[in-house]
Amino acid sequence: MNLPLNTSANPSDPVAQARYNMIEQQIRPWNVLDASVLELLAVVRREHFVPAAYRSLAFMDIEIPLLGSNAEQALRLGHSMLAPRVEARMLQDLQIAPTDRVLEIGAGSGYMAALLARRAAHVLALEIVPALADMARTNLRQAGIGNADVRQADGASDALAEGPFDVIVLSGSVAELPGALLSALREGGRLGAIVGMEPMMRFTVARRQGERLDTRSPWDANAPRLVNFPEPSGFTF
């Protein structure tokens, strides 16, 4: 059953209409039915986390370039925002709690960190590209979000000292679940990542249960690679 939400369109406001269309035509049909997630998408202004040159694309079902004048190169390098439906379903499946301490690898423009911060106690977002780290900090500050910190760091090697975490989110893809990050989960903690090789990747959630990790891979999605995580021998991305 669809629950009533504060996502109603305002015909006199084209931005509000575009946001409403994104939620109702892209995100809800992709099995994102958690009312609190849909409300959050209506509240956190995605367009404020998109570079001015691409703001007209803010609500489209695409990855949006974040750096440079060459959009194709930015997308190839992973300097981009994930598609809205992917971000929304990741958020839904990770079931963020108000007491959670969250680590995000790949801050990008700060949008996912903003969504996470509205649900969690605190978010630490690591971003390896200095210009993106600066962008994310600025966007989060301007959005009035005070419980998310962005650090310029390599998420593949610099995250362990900051743990443990209740939730770890990889905002990009990896070839396999990273063992080092899995070890940074608290009991009951969840790690979510898009895992695999093109053309077939799957969003995978791993939950720590004592010495065991319970994993599930509920849906398909391709995403740009996060750098410096292990790749199979002989593989070039």
C-alpha atoms as a PDB file:
ATOM      1  CA  MET A   1       0.000   0.000   0.000  1.00  0.00           C
ATOM      2  CA  ASN A   2       1.318   3.468  -0.843  1.00  0.00           C
ATOM      3  CA  LEU A   3       1.470   5.662   2.225  1.00  0.00           C
ATOM      4  CA  PRO A   4       0.613   9.399   2.098  1.00  0.00           C
ATOM      5  CA  LEU A   5       3.775  11.479   1.929  1.00  0.00           C
ATOM      6  CA  ASN A   6       4.798  15.122   1.843  1.00  0.00           C
ATOM      7  CA  THR A   7       5.969  14.638  -1.740  1.00  0.00           C
ATOM      8  CA  SER A   8       3.030  16.237  -3.523  1.00  0.00           C
ATOM      9  CA  ALA A   9       3.929  18.279  -6.570  1.00  0.00           C
ATOM     10  CA  ASN A  10       3.464  22.033  -6.776  1.00  0.00           C
ATOM     11  CA  PRO A  11       2.517  22.814 -10.386  1.00  0.00           C
ATOM     12  CA  SER A  12       3.787  26.384 -10.008  1.00  0.00           C
ATOM     13  CA  ASP A  13       7.251  25.189  -8.906  1.00  0.00           C
ATOM     14  CA  PRO A  14       9.061  23.264 -11.677  1.00  0.00           C
ATOM     15  CA  VAL A  15      11.824  22.079  -9.299  1.00  0.00           C
ATOM     16  CA  ALA A  16       9.280  20.671  -6.847  1.00  0.00           C
ATOM     17  CA  GLN A  17       7.474  19.018  -9.754  1.00  0.00           C
ATOM     18  CA  ALA A  18      10.714  17.452 -11.021  1.00  0.00           C
ATOM     19  CA  ARG A  19      11.537  16.161  -7.521  1.00  0.00           C
ATOM     20  CA  TYR A  20       8.040  14.684  -7.201  1.00  0.00           C
ATOM     21  CA  ASN A  21       8.392  12.986 -10.584  1.00  0.00           C
ATOM     22  CA  MET A  22      11.768  11.537  -9.560  1.00  0.00           C
ATOM     23  CA  ILE A  23      10.268  10.005  -6.423  1.00  0.00           C
ATOM     24  CA  GLU A  24       7.052   8.733  -7.979  1.00  0.00           C
ATOM     25  CA  GLN A  25       8.281   7.649 -11.434  1.00  0.00           C
ATOM     26  CA  GLN A  26      11.850   6.453 -10.761  1.00  0.00           C
ATOM     27  CA  ILE A  27      12.292   5.609  -7.115  1.00  0.00           C
ATOM     28  CA  ARG A  28       9.006   4.213  -5.834  1.00  0.00           C
ATOM     29  CA  PRO A  29       8.640   1.828  -8.838  1.00  0.00           C
ATOM     30  CA  TRP A  30      12.115   0.460  -8.034  1.00  0.00           C
ATOM     31  CA  ASN A  31      10.755  -1.112  -4.831  1.00  0.00           C
ATOM     32  CA  VAL A  32      11.705   1.805  -2.610  1.00  0.00           C
ATOM     33  CA  LEU A  33       8.567   1.781  -0.460  1.00  0.00           C
ATOM     34  CA  ASP A  34       9.904   2.861   2.945  1.00  0.00           C
ATOM     35  CA  ALA A  35       7.860   5.973   3.724  1.00  0.00           C
ATOM     36  CA  SER A  36      10.659   7.545   5.771  1.00  0.00           C
ATOM     37  CA  VAL A  37      13.132   7.179   2.873  1.00  0.00           C
ATOM     38  CA  LEU A  38      10.689   8.726   0.408  1.00  0.00           C
ATOM     39  CA  GLU A  39      10.045  11.599   2.819  1.00  0.00           C
ATOM     40  CA  LEU A  40      13.783  12.143   3.153  1.00  0.00           C
ATOM     41  CA  LEU A  41      14.225  12.369  -0.615  1.00  0.00           C
ATOM     42  CA  ALA A  42      11.572  15.079  -0.658  1.00  0.00           C
ATOM     43  CA  VAL A  43      13.320  17.044   2.091  1.00  0.00           C
ATOM     44  CA  VAL A  44      17.042  16.852   1.187  1.00  0.00           C
ATOM     45  CA  ARG A  45      17.470  19.074  -1.857  1.00  0.00           C
ATOM     46  CA  ARG A  46      19.369  16.943  -4.353  1.00  0.00           C
ATOM     47  CA  GLU A  47      19.771  19.857  -6.744  1.00  0.00           C
ATOM     48  CA  HIS A  48      21.900  21.683  -4.151  1.00  0.00           C
ATOM     49  CA  PHE A  49      24.500  18.902  -4.393  1.00  0.00           C
ATOM     50  CA  VAL A  50      24.753  19.027  -8.204  1.00  0.00           C
ATOM     51  CA  PRO A  51      27.251  21.360  -9.958  1.00  0.00           C
ATOM     52  CA  ALA A  52      25.543  24.366 -11.541  1.00  0.00           C
ATOM     53  CA  ALA A  53      26.433  23.205 -15.059  1.00  0.00           C
ATOM     54  CA  TYR A  54      24.436  19.995 -14.555  1.00  0.00           C
ATOM     55  CA  ARG A  55      21.648  21.195 -12.271  1.00  0.00           C
ATOM     56  CA  SER A  56      19.018  20.610 -14.948  1.00  0.00           C
ATOM     57  CA  LEU A  57      19.908  16.892 -14.700  1.00  0.00           C
ATOM     58  CA  ALA A  58      19.508  16.689 -10.917  1.00  0.00           C
ATOM     59  CA  PHE A  59      16.372  14.550 -10.976  1.00  0.00           C
ATOM     60  CA  MET A  60      17.112  12.397 -14.016  1.00  0.00           C
ATOM     61  CA  ASP A  61      17.759   8.662 -13.804  1.00  0.00           C
ATOM     62  CA  ILE A  62      21.467   8.976 -14.660  1.00  0.00           C
ATOM     63  CA  GLU A  63      24.876   9.372 -13.062  1.00  0.00           C
ATOM     64  CA  ILE A  64      25.792  13.061 -12.958  1.00  0.00           C
ATOM     65  CA  PRO A  65      29.366  14.320 -13.579  1.00  0.00           C
ATOM     66  CA  LEU A  66      30.867  16.334 -10.736  1.00  0.00           C
ATOM     67  CA  LEU A  67      34.273  17.589 -11.923  1.00  0.00           C
ATOM     68  CA  GLY A  68      35.734  19.177 -15.027  1.00  0.00           C
ATOM     69  CA  SER A  69      34.268  20.220 -18.358  1.00  0.00           C
ATOM     70  CA  ASN A  70      34.540  16.747 -19.897  1.00  0.00           C
ATOM     71  CA  ALA A  71      31.469  14.861 -18.712  1.00  0.00           C
ATOM     72  CA  GLU A  72      32.497  11.572 -20.314  1.00  0.00           C
ATOM     73  CA  GLN A  73      35.883  11.627 -18.600  1.00  0.00           C
ATOM     74  CA  ALA A  74      34.341  12.522 -15.228  1.00  0.00           C
ATOM     75  CA  LEU A  75      31.978   9.564 -15.481  1.00  0.00           C
ATOM     76  CA  ARG A  76      34.782   7.229 -16.536  1.00  0.00           C
ATOM     77  CA  LEU A  77      36.881   8.284 -13.534  1.00  0.00           C
ATOM     78  CA  GLY A  78      33.949   7.859 -11.165  1.00  0.00           C
ATOM     79  CA  HIS A  79      33.733  11.581 -10.398  1.00  0.00           C
ATOM     80  CA  SER A  80      29.948  11.398 -10.417  1.00  0.00           C
ATOM     81  CA  MET A  81      26.757  11.013  -8.403  1.00  0.00           C
ATOM     82  CA  LEU A  82      24.999   7.667  -8.521  1.00  0.00           C
ATOM     83  CA  ALA A  83      21.533   7.533 -10.067  1.00  0.00           C
ATOM     84  CA  PRO A  84      18.799   8.611  -7.593  1.00  0.00           C
ATOM     85  CA  ARG A  85      17.051   5.221  -7.508  1.00  0.00           C
ATOM     86  CA  VAL A  86      20.336   3.484  -6.635  1.00  0.00           C
ATOM     87  CA  GLU A  87      21.050   5.880  -3.769  1.00  0.00           C
ATOM     88  CA  ALA A  88      17.489   5.530  -2.474  1.00  0.00           C
ATOM     89  CA  ARG A  89      17.457   1.752  -2.501  1.00  0.00           C
ATOM     90  CA  MET A  90      20.874   1.558  -0.836  1.00  0.00           C
ATOM     91  CA  LEU A  91      19.544   3.803   1.919  1.00  0.00           C
ATOM     92  CA  GLN A  92      16.421   1.678   2.333  1.00  0.00           C
ATOM     93  CA  ASP A  93      18.260  -1.652   2.444  1.00  0.00           C
ATOM     94  CA  LEU A  94      20.854  -0.524   5.004  1.00  0.00           C
ATOM     95  CA  GLN A  95      18.119   0.402   7.523  1.00  0.00           C
ATOM     96  CA  ILE A  96      19.981   3.271   9.189  1.00  0.00           C
ATOM     97  CA  ALA A  97      19.099   3.753  12.866  1.00  0.00           C
ATOM     98  CA  PRO A  98      19.244   7.046  14.813  1.00  0.00           C
ATOM     99  CA  THR A  99      22.106   5.734  16.969  1.00  0.00           C
ATOM    100  CA  ASP A 100      24.246   4.495  14.065  1.00  0.00           C
ATOM    101  CA  ARG A 101      27.771   5.661  13.389  1.00  0.00           C
ATOM    102  CA  VAL A 102      28.218   5.513   9.614  1.00  0.00           C
ATOM    103  CA  LEU A 103      31.242   5.445   7.322  1.00  0.00           C
ATOM    104  CA  GLU A 104      30.842   6.356   3.657  1.00  0.00           C
ATOM    105  CA  ILE A 105      33.586   5.617   1.134  1.00  0.00           C
ATOM    106  CA  GLY A 106      33.401   8.004  -1.808  1.00  0.00           C
ATOM    107  CA  ALA A 107      31.740  11.226  -0.639  1.00  0.00           C
ATOM    108  CA  GLY A 108      31.376  12.725  -4.111  1.00  0.00           C
ATOM    109  CA  SER A 109      29.262  15.868  -3.800  1.00  0.00           C
ATOM    110  CA  GLY A 110      28.086  14.995  -0.275  1.00  0.00           C
ATOM    111  CA  TYR A 111      24.508  14.066  -1.205  1.00  0.00           C
ATOM    112  CA  MET A 112      24.572  10.509   0.107  1.00  0.00           C
ATOM    113  CA  ALA A 113      26.281  11.721   3.283  1.00  0.00           C
ATOM    114  CA  ALA A 114      23.452  14.234   3.696  1.00  0.00           C
ATOM    115  CA  LEU A 115      20.818  11.505   3.381  1.00  0.00           C
ATOM    116  CA  LEU A 116      22.684   9.253   5.802  1.00  0.00           C
ATOM    117  CA  ALA A 117      23.206  12.087   8.296  1.00  0.00           C
ATOM    118  CA  ARG A 118      19.482  12.810   8.445  1.00  0.00           C
ATOM    119  CA  ARG A 119      18.950   9.255   9.739  1.00  0.00           C
ATOM    120  CA  ALA A 120      22.151   8.450  11.698  1.00  0.00           C
ATOM    121  CA  ALA A 121      23.916   9.838  14.756  1.00  0.00           C
ATOM    122  CA  HIS A 122      27.083  10.673  12.816  1.00  0.00           C
ATOM    123  CA  VAL A 123      28.559  10.168   9.350  1.00  0.00           C
ATOM    124  CA  LEU A 124      32.222  10.128   8.394  1.00  0.00           C
ATOM    125  CA  ALA A 125      32.665  10.384   4.613  1.00  0.00           C
ATOM    126  CA  LEU A 126      36.058   9.692   3.036  1.00  0.00           C
ATOM    127  CA  GLU A 127      36.873  11.084  -0.406  1.00  0.00           C
ATOM    128  CA  ILE A 128      40.195  10.499  -2.168  1.00  0.00           C
ATOM    129  CA  VAL A 129      39.845  13.400  -4.649  1.00  0.00           C
ATOM    130  CA  PRO A 130      40.658  16.715  -2.898  1.00  0.00           C
ATOM    131  CA  ALA A 131      38.346  18.825  -5.076  1.00  0.00           C
ATOM    132  CA  LEU A 132      35.413  16.491  -4.361  1.00  0.00           C
ATOM    133  CA  ALA A 133      36.161  16.485  -0.639  1.00  0.00           C
ATOM    134  CA  ASP A 134      36.021  20.287  -0.688  1.00  0.00           C
ATOM    135  CA  MET A 135      32.772  20.202  -2.688  1.00  0.00           C
ATOM    136  CA  ALA A 136      31.153  17.781  -0.258  1.00  0.00           C
ATOM    137  CA  ARG A 137      32.178  19.828   2.789  1.00  0.00           C
ATOM    138  CA  THR A 138      30.793  23.015   1.240  1.00  0.00           C
ATOM    139  CA  ASN A 139      27.509  21.404   0.196  1.00  0.00           C
ATOM    140  CA  LEU A 140      26.928  19.823   3.594  1.00  0.00           C
ATOM    141  CA  ARG A 141      27.695  23.064   5.393  1.00  0.00           C
ATOM    142  CA  GLN A 142      25.355  25.034   3.152  1.00  0.00           C
ATOM    143  CA  ALA A 143      22.646  22.422   3.727  1.00  0.00           C
ATOM    144  CA  GLY A 144      22.985  22.956   7.481  1.00  0.00           C
ATOM    145  CA  ILE A 145      24.079  19.380   8.191  1.00  0.00           C
ATOM    146  CA  GLY A 146      26.352  19.347  11.225  1.00  0.00           C
ATOM    147  CA  ASN A 147      26.670  15.634  11.996  1.00  0.00           C
ATOM    148  CA  ALA A 148      28.633  14.664   8.854  1.00  0.00           C
ATOM    149  CA  ASP A 149      32.397  15.101   8.488  1.00  0.00           C
ATOM    150  CA  VAL A 150      34.257  14.800   5.188  1.00  0.00           C
ATOM    151  CA  ARG A 151      37.928  13.865   5.103  1.00  0.00           C
ATOM    152  CA  GLN A 152      40.251  13.705   2.126  1.00  0.00           C
ATOM    153  CA  ALA A 153      41.520  10.135   2.472  1.00  0.00           C
ATOM    154  CA  ASP A 154      41.821   6.778   0.715  1.00  0.00           C
ATOM    155  CA  GLY A 155      38.903   4.636   1.833  1.00  0.00           C
ATOM    156  CA  ALA A 156      40.753   1.475   0.804  1.00  0.00           C
ATOM    157  CA  SER A 157      43.503   2.023   3.386  1.00  0.00           C
ATOM    158  CA  ASP A 158      42.689   4.912   5.757  1.00  0.00           C
ATOM    159  CA  ALA A 159      39.371   3.854   7.288  1.00  0.00           C
ATOM    160  CA  LEU A 160      40.284   1.232   9.883  1.00  0.00           C
ATOM    161  CA  ALA A 161      41.666   3.622  12.482  1.00  0.00           C
ATOM    162  CA  GLU A 162      38.282   5.372  12.587  1.00  0.00           C
ATOM    163  CA  GLY A 163      36.220   2.251  13.395  1.00  0.00           C
ATOM    164  CA  PRO A 164      34.256   0.429  14.477  1.00  0.00           C
ATOM    165  CA  PHE A 165      31.106   1.446  12.600  1.00  0.00           C
ATOM    166  CA  ASP A 166      27.475   0.403  12.654  1.00  0.00           C
ATOM    167  CA  VAL A 167      27.113   0.954   8.904  1.00  0.00           C
ATOM    168  CA  ILE A 168      29.634   1.225   6.068  1.00  0.00           C
ATOM    169  CA  VAL A 169      28.425   2.453   2.666  1.00  0.00           C
ATOM    170  CA  LEU A 170      30.535   2.226  -0.494  1.00  0.00           C
ATOM    171  CA  SER A 171      29.264   4.831  -2.963  1.00  0.00           C
ATOM    172  CA  GLY A 172      30.772   3.057  -5.939  1.00  0.00           C
ATOM    173  CA  SER A 173      31.631  -0.475  -6.985  1.00  0.00           C
ATOM    174  CA  VAL A 174      34.279  -2.992  -5.939  1.00  0.00           C
ATOM    175  CA  ALA A 175      35.248  -6.389  -7.347  1.00  0.00           C
ATOM    176  CA  GLU A 176      34.624  -8.138  -4.015  1.00  0.00           C
ATOM    177  CA  LEU A 177      33.575  -7.268  -0.492  1.00  0.00           C
ATOM    178  CA  PRO A 178      36.622  -5.636   1.153  1.00  0.00           C
ATOM    179  CA  GLY A 179      37.740  -7.755   4.101  1.00  0.00           C
ATOM    180  CA  ALA A 180      39.440  -4.877   5.880  1.00  0.00           C
ATOM    181  CA  LEU A 181      36.245  -2.837   5.974  1.00  0.00           C
ATOM    182  CA  LEU A 182      34.176  -5.837   7.027  1.00  0.00           C
ATOM    183  CA  SER A 183      36.462  -6.153  10.050  1.00  0.00           C
ATOM    184  CA  ALA A 184      35.535  -2.577  11.020  1.00  0.00           C
ATOM    185  CA  LEU A 185      31.861  -3.451  11.566  1.00  0.00           C
ATOM    186  CA  ARG A 186      30.393  -3.626  15.041  1.00  0.00           C
ATOM    187  CA  GLU A 187      28.251  -6.585  16.066  1.00  0.00           C
ATOM    188  CA  GLY A 188      25.080  -6.292  13.974  1.00  0.00           C
ATOM    189  CA  GLY A 189      26.769  -3.793  11.678  1.00  0.00           C
ATOM    190  CA  ARG A 190      26.007  -3.675   7.948  1.00  0.00           C
ATOM    191  CA  LEU A 191      28.225  -3.000   4.958  1.00  0.00           C
ATOM    192  CA  GLY A 192      26.610  -2.172   1.632  1.00  0.00           C
ATOM    193  CA  ALA A 193      28.467  -2.154  -1.692  1.00  0.00           C
ATOM    194  CA  ILE A 194      27.881  -2.702  -5.394  1.00  0.00           C
ATOM    195  CA  VAL A 195      29.998  -5.780  -6.075  1.00  0.00           C
ATOM    196  CA  GLY A 196      31.154  -7.558  -9.220  1.00  0.00           C
ATOM    197  CA  MET A 197      32.375  -6.988 -12.741  1.00  0.00           C
ATOM    198  CA  GLU A 198      30.711  -5.306 -15.670  1.00  0.00           C
ATOM    199  CA  PRO A 199      28.237  -6.008 -17.110  1.00  0.00           C
ATOM    200  CA  MET A 200      26.836  -7.762 -14.027  1.00  0.00           C
ATOM    201  CA  MET A 201      27.169  -6.225 -10.582  1.00  0.00           C
ATOM    202  CA  ARG A 202      24.877  -6.624  -7.578  1.00  0.00           C
ATOM    203  CA  PHE A 203      24.239  -4.532  -4.508  1.00  0.00           C
ATOM    204  CA  THR A 204      25.371  -6.684  -1.601  1.00  0.00           C
ATOM    205  CA  VAL A 205      24.688  -6.216   2.108  1.00  0.00           C
ATOM    206  CA  ALA A 206      26.890  -7.998   4.650  1.00  0.00           C
ATOM    207  CA  ARG A 207      25.779  -8.082   8.309  1.00  0.00           C
ATOM    208  CA  ARG A 208      28.124  -9.079  11.133  1.00  0.00           C
ATOM    209  CA  GLN A 209      26.650 -11.740  13.411  1.00  0.00           C
ATOM    210  CA  GLY A 210      29.382 -12.676  15.887  1.00  0.00           C
ATOM    211  CA  GLU A 211      32.171 -14.323  13.911  1.00  0.00           C
ATOM    212  CA  ARG A 212      29.864 -14.864  10.947  1.00  0.00           C
ATOM    213  CA  LEU A 213      28.913 -12.549   8.078  1.00  0.00           C
ATOM    214  CA  ASP A 214      25.435 -12.952   6.648  1.00  0.00           C
ATOM    215  CA  THR A 215      25.289 -11.650   3.077  1.00  0.00           C
ATOM    216  CA  ARG A 216      22.538 -11.055   0.572  1.00  0.00           C
ATOM    217  CA  SER A 217      22.554  -9.504  -2.901  1.00  0.00           C
ATOM    218  CA  PRO A 218      19.015  -8.305  -3.560  1.00  0.00           C
ATOM    219  CA  TRP A 219      19.345  -6.307  -6.797  1.00  0.00           C
ATOM    220  CA  ASP A 220      21.485  -5.532  -9.839  1.00  0.00           C
ATOM    221  CA  ALA A 221      23.247  -2.215 -10.388  1.00  0.00           C
ATOM    222  CA  ASN A 222      26.393  -1.077 -12.162  1.00  0.00           C
ATOM    223  CA  ALA A 223      28.478   1.766 -10.765  1.00  0.00           C
ATOM    224  CA  PRO A 224      31.902   3.350 -11.342  1.00  0.00           C
ATOM    225  CA  ARG A 225      34.837   1.728  -9.540  1.00  0.00           C
ATOM    226  CA  LEU A 226      36.188   2.991  -6.245  1.00  0.00           C
ATOM    227  CA  VAL A 227      39.949   3.267  -6.623  1.00  0.00           C
ATOM    228  CA  ASN A 228      42.634   1.221  -4.839  1.00  0.00           C
ATOM    229  CA  PHE A 229      40.418  -1.692  -3.831  1.00  0.00           C
ATOM    230  CA  PRO A 230      41.658  -5.143  -4.941  1.00  0.00           C
ATOM    231  CA  GLU A 231      40.909  -6.346  -8.451  1.00  0.00           C
ATOM    232  CA  PRO A 232      41.218  -9.873  -9.870  1.00  0.00           C
ATOM    233  CA  SER A 233      44.639 -10.573 -11.340  1.00  0.00           C
ATOM    234  CA  GLY A 234      44.950  -9.302 -14.900  1.00  0.00           C
ATOM    235  CA  PHE A 235      41.797  -7.163 -14.692  1.00  0.00           C
ATOM    236  CA  THR A 236      41.960  -3.591 -16.000  1.00  0.00           C
ATOM    237  CA  PHE A 237      39.096  -1.168 -15.376  1.00  0.00           C
END
